[in-house]
Amino acid sequence: MISVIATIELAEGQSEAFLAAFGKVVPSVLAESGCLEYGPMIDLETNIPSQPPVRENVVTVIEKWESLDALEAHLMAPHMLEYRRSVKNMVLGTTIQVLQPF
């Protein structure tokens, strides 16, 4: 199993529209072979000292996949290619971390 943390930085004022578009693709991703978990998260303000300030224009996607092959197939799935085209003007940048258990 591998985990992915995708950090998506959005243009100012695009969070609501982006999350609506993202929500439409989630069922297709969850139906993909090898997908164990896939969902968007937003920062939660807390009093925990080690937590950085809330990022208003960032969505973090938490993913779990059975294998790297499953993740790579996901990235090229037709619904993902269409989704990325549909949100292209909302997204300033994306980074991912692909992790494995120790």
PDB file of N, CA and C in Angstrom:
ATOM      1  N   MET A   1       0.826  -1.176   0.000  1.00  0.00           N
ATOM      2  CA  MET A   1       0.000   0.000   0.000  1.00  0.00           C
ATOM      3  C   MET A   1       0.875   1.246   0.000  1.00  0.00           C
ATOM      4  N   ILE A   2       0.416   2.276  -0.703  1.00  0.00           N
ATOM      5  CA  ILE A   2       1.087   3.573  -0.671  1.00  0.00           C
ATOM      6  C   ILE A   2       0.069   4.640  -0.311  1.00  0.00           C
ATOM      7  N   SER A   3       0.569   5.726   0.241  1.00  0.00           N
ATOM      8  CA  SER A   3      -0.267   6.885   0.555  1.00  0.00           C
ATOM      9  C   SER A   3       0.214   8.062  -0.269  1.00  0.00           C
ATOM     10  N   VAL A   4      -0.709   8.940  -0.572  1.00  0.00           N
ATOM     11  CA  VAL A   4      -0.388  10.151  -1.323  1.00  0.00           C
ATOM     12  C   VAL A   4      -0.995  11.335  -0.588  1.00  0.00           C
ATOM     13  N   ILE A   5      -0.211  12.385  -0.454  1.00  0.00           N
ATOM     14  CA  ILE A   5      -0.713  13.660   0.042  1.00  0.00           C
ATOM     15  C   ILE A   5      -0.510  14.652  -1.089  1.00  0.00           C
ATOM     16  N   ALA A   6      -1.622  15.102  -1.659  1.00  0.00           N
ATOM     17  CA  ALA A   6      -1.573  16.086  -2.744  1.00  0.00           C
ATOM     18  C   ALA A   6      -1.996  17.434  -2.178  1.00  0.00           C
ATOM     19  N   THR A   7      -1.181  18.439  -2.394  1.00  0.00           N
ATOM     20  CA  THR A   7      -1.466  19.784  -1.928  1.00  0.00           C
ATOM     21  C   THR A   7      -1.763  20.648  -3.142  1.00  0.00           C
ATOM     22  N   ILE A   8      -2.966  21.196  -3.177  1.00  0.00           N
ATOM     23  CA  ILE A   8      -3.428  21.967  -4.332  1.00  0.00           C
ATOM     24  C   ILE A   8      -3.640  23.414  -3.902  1.00  0.00           C
ATOM     25  N   GLU A   9      -2.856  24.309  -4.482  1.00  0.00           N
ATOM     26  CA  GLU A   9      -2.989  25.737  -4.198  1.00  0.00           C
ATOM     27  C   GLU A   9      -3.928  26.346  -5.236  1.00  0.00           C
ATOM     28  N   LEU A  10      -4.954  27.039  -4.727  1.00  0.00           N
ATOM     29  CA  LEU A  10      -5.988  27.585  -5.598  1.00  0.00           C
ATOM     30  C   LEU A  10      -5.868  29.091  -5.745  1.00  0.00           C
ATOM     31  N   ALA A  11      -6.367  29.586  -6.857  1.00  0.00           N
ATOM     32  CA  ALA A  11      -6.471  31.028  -7.054  1.00  0.00           C
ATOM     33  C   ALA A  11      -7.461  31.587  -6.029  1.00  0.00           C
ATOM     34  N   GLU A  12      -7.244  32.796  -5.636  1.00  0.00           N
ATOM     35  CA  GLU A  12      -8.109  33.479  -4.662  1.00  0.00           C
ATOM     36  C   GLU A  12      -9.578  33.368  -5.066  1.00  0.00           C
ATOM     37  N   GLY A  13     -10.414  32.967  -4.113  1.00  0.00           N
ATOM     38  CA  GLY A  13     -11.852  32.907  -4.344  1.00  0.00           C
ATOM     39  C   GLY A  13     -12.344  31.699  -5.114  1.00  0.00           C
ATOM     40  N   GLN A  14     -11.489  30.708  -5.370  1.00  0.00           N
ATOM     41  CA  GLN A  14     -11.876  29.553  -6.177  1.00  0.00           C
ATOM     42  C   GLN A  14     -12.173  28.293  -5.368  1.00  0.00           C
ATOM     43  N   SER A  15     -12.048  28.348  -4.056  1.00  0.00           N
ATOM     44  CA  SER A  15     -12.198  27.141  -3.235  1.00  0.00           C
ATOM     45  C   SER A  15     -13.549  26.466  -3.417  1.00  0.00           C
ATOM     46  N   GLU A  16     -14.622  27.222  -3.355  1.00  0.00           N
ATOM     47  CA  GLU A  16     -15.960  26.633  -3.444  1.00  0.00           C
ATOM     48  C   GLU A  16     -16.186  25.967  -4.802  1.00  0.00           C
ATOM     49  N   ALA A  17     -15.834  26.637  -5.870  1.00  0.00           N
ATOM     50  CA  ALA A  17     -16.014  26.077  -7.214  1.00  0.00           C
ATOM     51  C   ALA A  17     -15.114  24.859  -7.409  1.00  0.00           C
ATOM     52  N   PHE A  18     -13.884  24.931  -6.907  1.00  0.00           N
ATOM     53  CA  PHE A  18     -12.974  23.812  -7.039  1.00  0.00           C
ATOM     54  C   PHE A  18     -13.508  22.590  -6.300  1.00  0.00           C
ATOM     55  N   LEU A  19     -13.950  22.774  -5.065  1.00  0.00           N
ATOM     56  CA  LEU A  19     -14.451  21.640  -4.279  1.00  0.00           C
ATOM     57  C   LEU A  19     -15.699  21.032  -4.910  1.00  0.00           C
ATOM     58  N   ALA A  20     -16.523  21.842  -5.544  1.00  0.00           N
ATOM     59  CA  ALA A  20     -17.698  21.314  -6.253  1.00  0.00           C
ATOM     60  C   ALA A  20     -17.261  20.430  -7.415  1.00  0.00           C
ATOM     61  N   ALA A  21     -16.290  20.885  -8.193  1.00  0.00           N
ATOM     62  CA  ALA A  21     -15.779  20.091  -9.316  1.00  0.00           C
ATOM     63  C   ALA A  21     -15.084  18.831  -8.816  1.00  0.00           C
ATOM     64  N   PHE A  22     -14.326  18.962  -7.750  1.00  0.00           N
ATOM     65  CA  PHE A  22     -13.620  17.820  -7.182  1.00  0.00           C
ATOM     66  C   PHE A  22     -14.613  16.769  -6.705  1.00  0.00           C
ATOM     67  N   GLY A  23     -15.669  17.216  -6.044  1.00  0.00           N
ATOM     68  CA  GLY A  23     -16.681  16.292  -5.535  1.00  0.00           C
ATOM     69  C   GLY A  23     -17.316  15.448  -6.617  1.00  0.00           C
ATOM     70  N   LYS A  24     -17.409  15.990  -7.819  1.00  0.00           N
ATOM     71  CA  LYS A  24     -18.002  15.243  -8.942  1.00  0.00           C
ATOM     72  C   LYS A  24     -17.119  14.087  -9.408  1.00  0.00           C
ATOM     73  N   VAL A  25     -15.795  14.216  -9.243  1.00  0.00           N
ATOM     74  CA  VAL A  25     -14.882  13.169  -9.727  1.00  0.00           C
ATOM     75  C   VAL A  25     -14.606  12.098  -8.667  1.00  0.00           C
ATOM     76  N   VAL A  26     -14.876  12.392  -7.402  1.00  0.00           N
ATOM     77  CA  VAL A  26     -14.559  11.444  -6.325  1.00  0.00           C
ATOM     78  C   VAL A  26     -15.191  10.067  -6.529  1.00  0.00           C
ATOM     79  N   PRO A  27     -16.485   9.942  -6.859  1.00  0.00           N
ATOM     80  CA  PRO A  27     -17.044   8.591  -7.038  1.00  0.00           C
ATOM     81  C   PRO A  27     -16.330   7.780  -8.121  1.00  0.00           C
ATOM     82  N   SER A  28     -15.920   8.421  -9.204  1.00  0.00           N
ATOM     83  CA  SER A  28     -15.188   7.712 -10.267  1.00  0.00           C
ATOM     84  C   SER A  28     -13.832   7.236  -9.780  1.00  0.00           C
ATOM     85  N   VAL A  29     -13.172   8.058  -8.977  1.00  0.00           N
ATOM     86  CA  VAL A  29     -11.852   7.669  -8.452  1.00  0.00           C
ATOM     87  C   VAL A  29     -12.005   6.513  -7.470  1.00  0.00           C
ATOM     88  N   LEU A  30     -12.987   6.594  -6.579  1.00  0.00           N
ATOM     89  CA  LEU A  30     -13.187   5.522  -5.598  1.00  0.00           C
ATOM     90  C   LEU A  30     -13.516   4.186  -6.274  1.00  0.00           C
ATOM     91  N   ALA A  31     -14.075   4.252  -7.477  1.00  0.00           N
ATOM     92  CA  ALA A  31     -14.407   3.033  -8.223  1.00  0.00           C
ATOM     93  C   ALA A  31     -13.207   2.455  -8.977  1.00  0.00           C
ATOM     94  N   GLU A  32     -12.100   3.191  -9.031  1.00  0.00           N
ATOM     95  CA  GLU A  32     -10.911   2.721  -9.748  1.00  0.00           C
ATOM     96  C   GLU A  32     -10.297   1.509  -9.060  1.00  0.00           C
ATOM     97  N   SER A  33      -9.750   0.622  -9.856  1.00  0.00           N
ATOM     98  CA  SER A  33      -9.042  -0.536  -9.328  1.00  0.00           C
ATOM     99  C   SER A  33      -7.847  -0.061  -8.499  1.00  0.00           C
ATOM    100  N   GLY A  34      -7.742  -0.543  -7.277  1.00  0.00           N
ATOM    101  CA  GLY A  34      -6.601  -0.207  -6.433  1.00  0.00           C
ATOM    102  C   GLY A  34      -6.793   1.006  -5.551  1.00  0.00           C
ATOM    103  N   CYS A  35      -7.909   1.725  -5.673  1.00  0.00           N
ATOM    104  CA  CYS A  35      -8.139   2.897  -4.817  1.00  0.00           C
ATOM    105  C   CYS A  35      -8.707   2.439  -3.480  1.00  0.00           C
ATOM    106  N   LEU A  36      -8.037   2.803  -2.403  1.00  0.00           N
ATOM    107  CA  LEU A  36      -8.467   2.446  -1.060  1.00  0.00           C
ATOM    108  C   LEU A  36      -9.092   3.627  -0.323  1.00  0.00           C
ATOM    109  N   GLU A  37      -8.631   4.832  -0.654  1.00  0.00           N
ATOM    110  CA  GLU A  37      -9.145   6.043   0.004  1.00  0.00           C
ATOM    111  C   GLU A  37      -8.815   7.234  -0.879  1.00  0.00           C
ATOM    112  N   TYR A  38      -9.748   8.183  -0.935  1.00  0.00           N
ATOM    113  CA  TYR A  38      -9.520   9.365  -1.767  1.00  0.00           C
ATOM    114  C   TYR A  38     -10.490  10.449  -1.323  1.00  0.00           C
ATOM    115  N   GLY A  39      -9.967  11.554  -0.811  1.00  0.00           N
ATOM    116  CA  GLY A  39     -10.870  12.617  -0.395  1.00  0.00           C
ATOM    117  C   GLY A  39     -10.162  13.930  -0.136  1.00  0.00           C
ATOM    118  N   PRO A  40     -10.879  15.030  -0.383  1.00  0.00           N
ATOM    119  CA  PRO A  40     -10.320  16.360  -0.152  1.00  0.00           C
ATOM    120  C   PRO A  40     -10.457  16.762   1.315  1.00  0.00           C
ATOM    121  N   MET A  41      -9.501  17.534   1.776  1.00  0.00           N
ATOM    122  CA  MET A  41      -9.502  18.067   3.142  1.00  0.00           C
ATOM    123  C   MET A  41      -9.096  19.536   3.074  1.00  0.00           C
ATOM    124  N   ILE A  42      -9.602  20.315   4.022  1.00  0.00           N
ATOM    125  CA  ILE A  42      -9.170  21.705   4.153  1.00  0.00           C
ATOM    126  C   ILE A  42      -8.623  21.902   5.562  1.00  0.00           C
ATOM    127  N   ASP A  43      -7.781  22.902   5.712  1.00  0.00           N
ATOM    128  CA  ASP A  43      -7.146  23.164   6.999  1.00  0.00           C
ATOM    129  C   ASP A  43      -8.190  23.473   8.072  1.00  0.00           C
ATOM    130  N   LEU A  44      -7.912  22.990   9.273  1.00  0.00           N
ATOM    131  CA  LEU A  44      -8.746  23.246  10.440  1.00  0.00           C
ATOM    132  C   LEU A  44      -7.939  24.079  11.415  1.00  0.00           C
ATOM    133  N   GLU A  45      -8.487  25.193  11.834  1.00  0.00           N
ATOM    134  CA  GLU A  45      -7.795  26.031  12.812  1.00  0.00           C
ATOM    135  C   GLU A  45      -7.872  25.362  14.176  1.00  0.00           C
ATOM    136  N   THR A  46      -6.718  25.266  14.837  1.00  0.00           N
ATOM    137  CA  THR A  46      -6.645  24.661  16.172  1.00  0.00           C
ATOM    138  C   THR A  46      -5.752  25.523  17.055  1.00  0.00           C
ATOM    139  N   ASN A  47      -5.626  25.105  18.301  1.00  0.00           N
ATOM    140  CA  ASN A  47      -4.695  25.759  19.231  1.00  0.00           C
ATOM    141  C   ASN A  47      -3.417  24.951  19.394  1.00  0.00           C
ATOM    142  N   ILE A  48      -3.166  24.032  18.478  1.00  0.00           N
ATOM    143  CA  ILE A  48      -1.965  23.199  18.550  1.00  0.00           C
ATOM    144  C   ILE A  48      -0.768  24.030  18.082  1.00  0.00           C
ATOM    145  N   PRO A  49       0.208  24.254  18.952  1.00  0.00           N
ATOM    146  CA  PRO A  49       1.305  25.174  18.629  1.00  0.00           C
ATOM    147  C   PRO A  49       2.132  24.796  17.403  1.00  0.00           C
ATOM    148  N   SER A  50       2.278  23.522  17.113  1.00  0.00           N
ATOM    149  CA  SER A  50       3.130  23.137  15.987  1.00  0.00           C
ATOM    150  C   SER A  50       2.422  23.219  14.641  1.00  0.00           C
ATOM    151  N   GLN A  51       1.133  23.527  14.652  1.00  0.00           N
ATOM    152  CA  GLN A  51       0.400  23.638  13.391  1.00  0.00           C
ATOM    153  C   GLN A  51       0.598  25.031  12.799  1.00  0.00           C
ATOM    154  N   PRO A  52       0.919  25.092  11.502  1.00  0.00           N
ATOM    155  CA  PRO A  52       1.053  26.398  10.855  1.00  0.00           C
ATOM    156  C   PRO A  52      -0.315  27.066  10.700  1.00  0.00           C
ATOM    157  N   PRO A  53      -0.336  28.342  10.320  1.00  0.00           N
ATOM    158  CA  PRO A  53      -1.603  29.038  10.110  1.00  0.00           C
ATOM    159  C   PRO A  53      -2.452  28.365   9.028  1.00  0.00           C
ATOM    160  N   VAL A  54      -3.758  28.545   9.136  1.00  0.00           N
ATOM    161  CA  VAL A  54      -4.697  27.993   8.161  1.00  0.00           C
ATOM    162  C   VAL A  54      -4.402  28.587   6.788  1.00  0.00           C
ATOM    163  N   ARG A  55      -4.415  27.724   5.780  1.00  0.00           N
ATOM    164  CA  ARG A  55      -4.202  28.150   4.397  1.00  0.00           C
ATOM    165  C   ARG A  55      -5.573  28.196   3.721  1.00  0.00           C
ATOM    166  N   GLU A  56      -6.080  29.387   3.485  1.00  0.00           N
ATOM    167  CA  GLU A  56      -7.438  29.570   2.964  1.00  0.00           C
ATOM    168  C   GLU A  56      -7.619  29.044   1.547  1.00  0.00           C
ATOM    169  N   ASN A  57      -6.581  29.066   0.757  1.00  0.00           N
ATOM    170  CA  ASN A  57      -6.689  28.694  -0.656  1.00  0.00           C
ATOM    171  C   ASN A  57      -5.957  27.399  -0.977  1.00  0.00           C
ATOM    172  N   VAL A  58      -5.981  26.468  -0.025  1.00  0.00           N
ATOM    173  CA  VAL A  58      -5.309  25.184  -0.225  1.00  0.00           C
ATOM    174  C   VAL A  58      -6.277  24.046   0.081  1.00  0.00           C
ATOM    175  N   VAL A  59      -6.292  23.057  -0.800  1.00  0.00           N
ATOM    176  CA  VAL A  59      -7.011  21.808  -0.574  1.00  0.00           C
ATOM    177  C   VAL A  59      -5.960  20.709  -0.540  1.00  0.00           C
ATOM    178  N   THR A  60      -6.045  19.861   0.473  1.00  0.00           N
ATOM    179  CA  THR A  60      -5.142  18.728   0.597  1.00  0.00           C
ATOM    180  C   THR A  60      -5.947  17.467   0.314  1.00  0.00           C
ATOM    181  N   VAL A  61      -5.450  16.645  -0.584  1.00  0.00           N
ATOM    182  CA  VAL A  61      -6.123  15.398  -0.923  1.00  0.00           C
ATOM    183  C   VAL A  61      -5.351  14.257  -0.283  1.00  0.00           C
ATOM    184  N   ILE A  62      -6.073  13.443   0.485  1.00  0.00           N
ATOM    185  CA  ILE A  62      -5.489  12.282   1.135  1.00  0.00           C
ATOM    186  C   ILE A  62      -5.900  11.050   0.323  1.00  0.00           C
ATOM    187  N   GLU A  63      -4.911  10.288  -0.099  1.00  0.00           N
ATOM    188  CA  GLU A  63      -5.173   9.128  -0.955  1.00  0.00           C
ATOM    189  C   GLU A  63      -4.437   7.907  -0.419  1.00  0.00           C
ATOM    190  N   LYS A  64      -5.040   6.738  -0.627  1.00  0.00           N
ATOM    191  CA  LYS A  64      -4.358   5.466  -0.371  1.00  0.00           C
ATOM    192  C   LYS A  64      -4.632   4.558  -1.569  1.00  0.00           C
ATOM    193  N   TRP A  65      -3.569   3.924  -2.037  1.00  0.00           N
ATOM    194  CA  TRP A  65      -3.628   3.062  -3.217  1.00  0.00           C
ATOM    195  C   TRP A  65      -2.980   1.729  -2.904  1.00  0.00           C
ATOM    196  N   GLU A  66      -3.458   0.680  -3.550  1.00  0.00           N
ATOM    197  CA  GLU A  66      -2.879  -0.646  -3.354  1.00  0.00           C
ATOM    198  C   GLU A  66      -1.439  -0.713  -3.848  1.00  0.00           C
ATOM    199  N   SER A  67      -1.111   0.076  -4.889  1.00  0.00           N
ATOM    200  CA  SER A  67       0.238   0.000  -5.473  1.00  0.00           C
ATOM    201  C   SER A  67       0.554   1.270  -6.245  1.00  0.00           C
ATOM    202  N   LEU A  68       1.809   1.429  -6.575  1.00  0.00           N
ATOM    203  CA  LEU A  68       2.238   2.543  -7.414  1.00  0.00           C
ATOM    204  C   LEU A  68       1.617   2.426  -8.802  1.00  0.00           C
ATOM    205  N   ASP A  69       1.494   1.206  -9.316  1.00  0.00           N
ATOM    206  CA  ASP A  69       0.856   1.005 -10.625  1.00  0.00           C
ATOM    207  C   ASP A  69      -0.580   1.526 -10.620  1.00  0.00           C
ATOM    208  N   ALA A  70      -1.319   1.273  -9.529  1.00  0.00           N
ATOM    209  CA  ALA A  70      -2.697   1.759  -9.433  1.00  0.00           C
ATOM    210  C   ALA A  70      -2.732   3.285  -9.428  1.00  0.00           C
ATOM    211  N   LEU A  71      -1.807   3.910  -8.705  1.00  0.00           N
ATOM    212  CA  LEU A  71      -1.727   5.377  -8.688  1.00  0.00           C
ATOM    213  C   LEU A  71      -1.416   5.918 -10.078  1.00  0.00           C
ATOM    214  N   GLU A  72      -0.461   5.316 -10.752  1.00  0.00           N
ATOM    215  CA  GLU A  72      -0.086   5.792 -12.083  1.00  0.00           C
ATOM    216  C   GLU A  72      -1.241   5.634 -13.073  1.00  0.00           C
ATOM    217  N   ALA A  73      -2.008   4.548 -12.966  1.00  0.00           N
ATOM    218  CA  ALA A  73      -3.186   4.373 -13.823  1.00  0.00           C
ATOM    219  C   ALA A  73      -4.231   5.449 -13.509  1.00  0.00           C
ATOM    220  N   HIS A  74      -4.396   5.764 -12.239  1.00  0.00           N
ATOM    221  CA  HIS A  74      -5.326   6.818 -11.822  1.00  0.00           C
ATOM    222  C   HIS A  74      -4.981   8.158 -12.478  1.00  0.00           C
ATOM    223  N   LEU A  75      -3.715   8.478 -12.495  1.00  0.00           N
ATOM    224  CA  LEU A  75      -3.298   9.774 -13.039  1.00  0.00           C
ATOM    225  C   LEU A  75      -3.630   9.917 -14.522  1.00  0.00           C
ATOM    226  N   MET A  76      -3.755   8.804 -15.225  1.00  0.00           N
ATOM    227  CA  MET A  76      -4.047   8.839 -16.657  1.00  0.00           C
ATOM    228  C   MET A  76      -5.496   8.448 -16.985  1.00  0.00           C
ATOM    229  N   ALA A  77      -6.308   8.207 -15.966  1.00  0.00           N
ATOM    230  CA  ALA A  77      -7.707   7.819 -16.192  1.00  0.00           C
ATOM    231  C   ALA A  77      -8.439   8.945 -16.930  1.00  0.00           C
ATOM    232  N   PRO A  78      -9.317   8.607 -17.876  1.00  0.00           N
ATOM    233  CA  PRO A  78     -10.029   9.637 -18.644  1.00  0.00           C
ATOM    234  C   PRO A  78     -10.767  10.655 -17.773  1.00  0.00           C
ATOM    235  N   HIS A  79     -11.393  10.202 -16.685  1.00  0.00           N
ATOM    236  CA  HIS A  79     -12.121  11.150 -15.829  1.00  0.00           C
ATOM    237  C   HIS A  79     -11.158  12.111 -15.118  1.00  0.00           C
ATOM    238  N   MET A  80      -9.922  11.670 -14.860  1.00  0.00           N
ATOM    239  CA  MET A  80      -8.949  12.577 -14.246  1.00  0.00           C
ATOM    240  C   MET A  80      -8.416  13.588 -15.252  1.00  0.00           C
ATOM    241  N   LEU A  81      -8.209  13.149 -16.482  1.00  0.00           N
ATOM    242  CA  LEU A  81      -7.759  14.085 -17.519  1.00  0.00           C
ATOM    243  C   LEU A  81      -8.812  15.169 -17.737  1.00  0.00           C
ATOM    244  N   GLU A  82     -10.084  14.792 -17.776  1.00  0.00           N
ATOM    245  CA  GLU A  82     -11.172  15.762 -17.943  1.00  0.00           C
ATOM    246  C   GLU A  82     -11.278  16.674 -16.723  1.00  0.00           C
ATOM    247  N   TYR A  83     -11.188  16.095 -15.538  1.00  0.00           N
ATOM    248  CA  TYR A  83     -11.243  16.887 -14.302  1.00  0.00           C
ATOM    249  C   TYR A  83     -10.136  17.941 -14.298  1.00  0.00           C
ATOM    250  N   ARG A  84      -8.905  17.540 -14.614  1.00  0.00           N
ATOM    251  CA  ARG A  84      -7.794  18.504 -14.602  1.00  0.00           C
ATOM    252  C   ARG A  84      -8.023  19.627 -15.607  1.00  0.00           C
ATOM    253  N   ARG A  85      -8.584  19.303 -16.769  1.00  0.00           N
ATOM    254  CA  ARG A  85      -8.917  20.359 -17.742  1.00  0.00           C
ATOM    255  C   ARG A  85      -9.962  21.306 -17.162  1.00  0.00           C
ATOM    256  N   SER A  86     -10.949  20.767 -16.443  1.00  0.00           N
ATOM    257  CA  SER A  86     -12.052  21.588 -15.934  1.00  0.00           C
ATOM    258  C   SER A  86     -11.632  22.529 -14.809  1.00  0.00           C
ATOM    259  N   VAL A  87     -10.579  22.192 -14.065  1.00  0.00           N
ATOM    260  CA  VAL A  87     -10.163  23.045 -12.939  1.00  0.00           C
ATOM    261  C   VAL A  87      -8.875  23.808 -13.219  1.00  0.00           C
ATOM    262  N   LYS A  88      -8.345  23.655 -14.420  1.00  0.00           N
ATOM    263  CA  LYS A  88      -7.052  24.253 -14.773  1.00  0.00           C
ATOM    264  C   LYS A  88      -6.947  25.735 -14.412  1.00  0.00           C
ATOM    265  N   ASN A  89      -7.985  26.495 -14.655  1.00  0.00           N
ATOM    266  CA  ASN A  89      -7.929  27.932 -14.385  1.00  0.00           C
ATOM    267  C   ASN A  89      -8.108  28.286 -12.910  1.00  0.00           C
ATOM    268  N   MET A  90      -8.465  27.308 -12.087  1.00  0.00           N
ATOM    269  CA  MET A  90      -8.632  27.536 -10.644  1.00  0.00           C
ATOM    270  C   MET A  90      -7.360  27.229  -9.865  1.00  0.00           C
ATOM    271  N   VAL A  91      -6.489  26.402 -10.444  1.00  0.00           N
ATOM    272  CA  VAL A  91      -5.336  25.864  -9.721  1.00  0.00           C
ATOM    273  C   VAL A  91      -4.071  26.645 -10.067  1.00  0.00           C
ATOM    274  N   LEU A  92      -3.380  27.094  -9.010  1.00  0.00           N
ATOM    275  CA  LEU A  92      -2.098  27.775  -9.196  1.00  0.00           C
ATOM    276  C   LEU A  92      -0.941  26.780  -9.213  1.00  0.00           C
ATOM    277  N   GLY A  93      -1.080  25.700  -8.463  1.00  0.00           N
ATOM    278  CA  GLY A  93      -0.010  24.707  -8.414  1.00  0.00           C
ATOM    279  C   GLY A  93      -0.410  23.503  -7.589  1.00  0.00           C
ATOM    280  N   THR A  94       0.237  22.374  -7.873  1.00  0.00           N
ATOM    281  CA  THR A  94      -0.030  21.133  -7.153  1.00  0.00           C
ATOM    282  C   THR A  94       1.291  20.441  -6.867  1.00  0.00           C
ATOM    283  N   THR A  95       1.420  19.933  -5.651  1.00  0.00           N
ATOM    284  CA  THR A  95       2.555  19.082  -5.310  1.00  0.00           C
ATOM    285  C   THR A  95       2.001  17.799  -4.701  1.00  0.00           C
ATOM    286  N   ILE A  96       2.712  16.702  -4.920  1.00  0.00           N
ATOM    287  CA  ILE A  96       2.302  15.457  -4.291  1.00  0.00           C
ATOM    288  C   ILE A  96       3.476  14.830  -3.559  1.00  0.00           C
ATOM    289  N   GLN A  97       3.149  14.116  -2.498  1.00  0.00           N
ATOM    290  CA  GLN A  97       4.109  13.300  -1.779  1.00  0.00           C
ATOM    291  C   GLN A  97       3.581  11.878  -1.856  1.00  0.00           C
ATOM    292  N   VAL A  98       4.387  10.970  -2.383  1.00  0.00           N
ATOM    293  CA  VAL A  98       4.022   9.564  -2.446  1.00  0.00           C
ATOM    294  C   VAL A  98       4.829   8.872  -1.340  1.00  0.00           C
ATOM    295  N   LEU A  99       4.109   8.187  -0.438  1.00  0.00           N
ATOM    296  CA  LEU A  99       4.718   7.628   0.757  1.00  0.00           C
ATOM    297  C   LEU A  99       4.467   6.137   0.840  1.00  0.00           C
ATOM    298  N   GLN A 100       5.401   5.438   1.483  1.00  0.00           N
ATOM    299  CA  GLN A 100       5.226   4.012   1.739  1.00  0.00           C
ATOM    300  C   GLN A 100       5.398   3.749   3.229  1.00  0.00           C
ATOM    301  N   PRO A 101       4.784   2.685   3.732  1.00  0.00           N
ATOM    302  CA  PRO A 101       4.966   2.361   5.152  1.00  0.00           C
ATOM    303  C   PRO A 101       6.424   2.053   5.447  1.00  0.00           C
ATOM    304  N   PHE A 102       6.829   2.327   6.652  1.00  0.00           N
ATOM    305  CA  PHE A 102       8.201   2.080   7.100  1.00  0.00           C
ATOM    306  C   PHE A 102       8.315   0.662   7.608  1.00  0.00           C
TER     307      PHE A 102
END
